[in-house]
């Protein structure tokens, strides 16, 4: 089992003049909604404590990565390791994903000595999509006009709940 969560930062608030209805994808993904994220498998946890992680971008990129890890023609029967990295743009740290068969190992370069989190790919896909949809629901409740942004509609449709 894996649990994904986030908290928004008070130190890095969104600019008050932001028009969320027409904000471009780059701003939505990289400039707004900063905070911290965590992943908890019950056996271990990976979390950031930086306060500046773009939460929407993290959720969106996580869904992209989970789909990329499933591109091998043999799917969960593939014996070759499929890898992907999620980079945090404001520093050199990475969240690393390695899938073999139906399992995904997740590790953070800032916590190399720790054992990686290990979860089933299908569960990671479901939880990543739920996390993205929950983040979008929370952010649209907090920010007037965000739910009317076409980029938000696109990502909601691309990664529906499973």
Protein backbone atom coordinates (compact mmCIF):
# COMPACT_ATOMS: atom_id res chain seq x y z
CA UNK A 1 0.00 0.00 0.00
CA UNK A 2 1.19 3.53 -0.71
CA UNK A 3 -0.13 6.81 0.54
CA UNK A 4 0.63 10.11 -1.17
CA UNK A 5 0.15 13.47 0.47
CA UNK A 6 1.10 17.11 0.34
CA UNK A 7 1.04 20.38 2.22
CA UNK A 8 1.11 23.87 0.74
CA UNK A 9 3.75 26.29 1.95
CA UNK A 10 3.06 29.60 3.68
CA UNK A 11 6.60 30.73 2.86
CA UNK A 12 6.05 30.64 -0.90
CA UNK A 13 2.51 31.94 -1.53
CA UNK A 14 1.12 32.32 -5.03
CA UNK A 15 1.21 35.91 -6.34
CA UNK A 16 -2.06 37.64 -5.34
CA UNK A 17 -2.62 39.00 -8.87
CA UNK A 18 -2.67 35.50 -10.43
CA UNK A 19 -5.51 34.88 -12.86
CA UNK A 20 -5.91 31.13 -12.43
CA UNK A 21 -8.51 30.93 -15.19
CA UNK A 22 -5.93 31.84 -17.85
CA UNK A 23 -2.65 30.82 -16.20
CA UNK A 24 -0.40 29.01 -18.69
CA UNK A 25 0.63 25.38 -18.16
CA UNK A 26 4.20 26.39 -17.30
CA UNK A 27 2.98 28.61 -14.45
CA UNK A 28 0.52 26.00 -13.22
CA UNK A 29 3.20 23.34 -13.15
CA UNK A 30 6.28 25.23 -12.01
CA UNK A 31 5.46 28.59 -10.43
CA UNK A 32 2.31 28.06 -8.38
CA UNK A 33 1.08 25.83 -5.52
CA UNK A 34 4.43 25.28 -3.76
CA UNK A 35 4.78 23.08 -0.72
CA UNK A 36 5.99 19.62 0.23
CA UNK A 37 5.03 16.08 -0.75
CA UNK A 38 5.33 12.69 0.90
CA UNK A 39 5.08 9.05 -0.10
CA UNK A 40 4.47 6.43 2.58
CA UNK A 41 4.43 2.70 1.91
CA UNK A 42 3.81 1.61 5.49
CA UNK A 43 7.36 0.21 5.51
CA UNK A 44 9.05 3.56 4.94
CA UNK A 45 8.51 7.15 3.92
CA UNK A 46 10.00 9.59 1.43
CA UNK A 47 9.19 13.22 1.99
CA UNK A 48 10.47 16.64 1.10
CA UNK A 49 10.90 19.38 3.67
CA UNK A 50 11.92 22.16 1.32
CA UNK A 51 8.65 24.09 1.09
CA UNK A 52 9.06 24.97 -2.59
CA UNK A 53 8.07 21.75 -4.42
CA UNK A 54 5.42 22.58 -7.07
CA UNK A 55 2.71 20.23 -5.80
CA UNK A 56 0.57 20.19 -8.95
CA UNK A 57 3.62 19.51 -11.10
CA UNK A 58 4.66 16.68 -8.79
CA UNK A 59 1.23 15.02 -9.03
CA UNK A 60 1.09 15.52 -12.82
CA UNK A 61 4.66 14.25 -13.38
CA UNK A 62 4.06 11.25 -11.13
CA UNK A 63 1.10 10.19 -13.30
CA UNK A 64 3.25 10.62 -16.43
CA UNK A 65 6.04 8.50 -14.95
CA UNK A 66 3.72 5.70 -13.86
CA UNK A 67 2.39 5.48 -17.42
CA UNK A 68 5.93 5.54 -18.87
CA UNK A 69 6.91 2.63 -16.61
CA UNK A 70 4.14 0.61 -18.29
CA UNK A 71 5.24 1.11 -21.91
CA UNK A 72 7.11 -2.19 -22.26
CA UNK A 73 5.18 -4.50 -24.63
CA UNK A 74 5.27 -7.32 -22.06
CA UNK A 75 3.85 -5.11 -19.32
CA UNK A 76 4.14 -6.68 -15.87
CA UNK A 77 5.78 -9.77 -17.37
CA UNK A 78 8.84 -7.79 -18.55
CA UNK A 79 11.99 -8.93 -16.77
CA UNK A 80 14.03 -5.90 -17.83
CA UNK A 81 14.11 -3.03 -15.40
CA UNK A 82 12.27 0.07 -16.61
CA UNK A 83 13.40 3.30 -14.98
CA UNK A 84 12.31 6.92 -14.78
CA UNK A 85 13.33 9.94 -12.73
CA UNK A 86 11.28 12.82 -11.40
CA UNK A 87 13.58 15.79 -10.98
CA UNK A 88 13.04 18.64 -8.60
CA UNK A 89 13.88 21.67 -10.72
CA UNK A 90 15.14 23.97 -7.95
CA UNK A 91 17.92 21.55 -6.90
CA UNK A 92 19.68 18.43 -8.15
CA UNK A 93 17.61 15.90 -6.22
CA UNK A 94 15.67 13.14 -7.97
CA UNK A 95 12.90 10.75 -7.13
CA UNK A 96 13.90 7.51 -8.87
CA UNK A 97 11.52 4.81 -10.06
CA UNK A 98 12.56 1.31 -11.17
CA UNK A 99 9.97 -1.23 -12.29
CA UNK A 100 10.60 -4.92 -12.69
CA UNK A 101 7.68 -7.25 -13.25
CA UNK A 102 4.73 -5.74 -11.35
CA UNK A 103 6.79 -3.98 -8.66
CA UNK A 104 8.17 -0.45 -8.50
CA UNK A 105 11.03 0.66 -6.27
CA UNK A 106 10.97 4.35 -5.37
CA UNK A 107 13.99 6.10 -3.89
CA UNK A 108 15.09 9.67 -3.34
CA UNK A 109 18.64 10.80 -4.04
CA UNK A 110 18.51 12.95 -0.91
CA UNK A 111 17.99 9.76 1.14
CA UNK A 112 20.31 7.30 -0.58
CA UNK A 113 21.08 5.30 2.54
CA UNK A 114 17.44 4.43 3.11
CA UNK A 115 15.80 1.38 1.61
CA UNK A 116 13.58 2.20 -1.37
CA UNK A 117 9.83 2.07 -1.06
CA UNK A 118 8.45 -0.96 -2.93
CA UNK A 119 4.88 -0.97 -4.25
CA UNK A 120 2.84 -2.73 -6.89
CA UNK A 121 2.69 -0.83 -10.16
CA UNK A 122 -1.11 -1.11 -10.40
CA UNK A 123 -1.46 0.33 -6.90
CA UNK A 124 0.96 3.17 -7.68
CA UNK A 125 -1.04 4.00 -10.82
CA UNK A 126 -4.32 4.10 -8.90
CA UNK A 127 -2.90 6.13 -6.01
CA UNK A 128 -1.06 8.58 -8.30
CA UNK A 129 -4.26 9.30 -10.22
CA UNK A 130 -6.28 9.65 -7.03
CA UNK A 131 -3.63 11.98 -5.64
CA UNK A 132 -3.69 14.16 -8.77
CA UNK A 133 -7.48 14.35 -8.75
CA UNK A 134 -7.50 15.17 -5.01
CA UNK A 135 -4.86 17.91 -5.48
CA UNK A 136 -6.86 19.38 -8.36
CA UNK A 137 -10.07 19.32 -6.31
CA UNK A 138 -8.37 21.01 -3.36
CA UNK A 139 -6.69 23.66 -5.50
CA UNK A 140 -9.86 24.49 -7.45
CA UNK A 141 -11.67 24.94 -4.12
CA UNK A 142 -8.93 27.29 -2.91
CA UNK A 143 -8.40 29.34 -6.08
CA UNK A 144 -11.28 30.98 -7.91
CA UNK A 145 -11.20 30.39 -11.65
CA UNK A 146 -8.72 27.50 -11.58
CA UNK A 147 -11.45 24.98 -12.40
CA UNK A 148 -12.19 26.95 -15.59
CA UNK A 149 -8.60 26.69 -16.87
CA UNK A 150 -8.45 24.48 -20.02
CA UNK A 151 -5.13 22.97 -18.91
CA UNK A 152 -6.83 21.69 -15.75
CA UNK A 153 -9.61 20.13 -17.84
CA UNK A 154 -6.98 18.43 -20.01
CA UNK A 155 -5.05 16.88 -17.14
CA UNK A 156 -8.25 15.80 -15.38
CA UNK A 157 -9.37 14.00 -18.54
CA UNK A 158 -5.94 12.47 -19.25
CA UNK A 159 -5.58 10.92 -15.79
CA UNK A 160 -9.04 10.02 -14.47
CA UNK A 161 -9.49 8.04 -11.28
CA UNK A 162 -9.24 4.29 -11.76
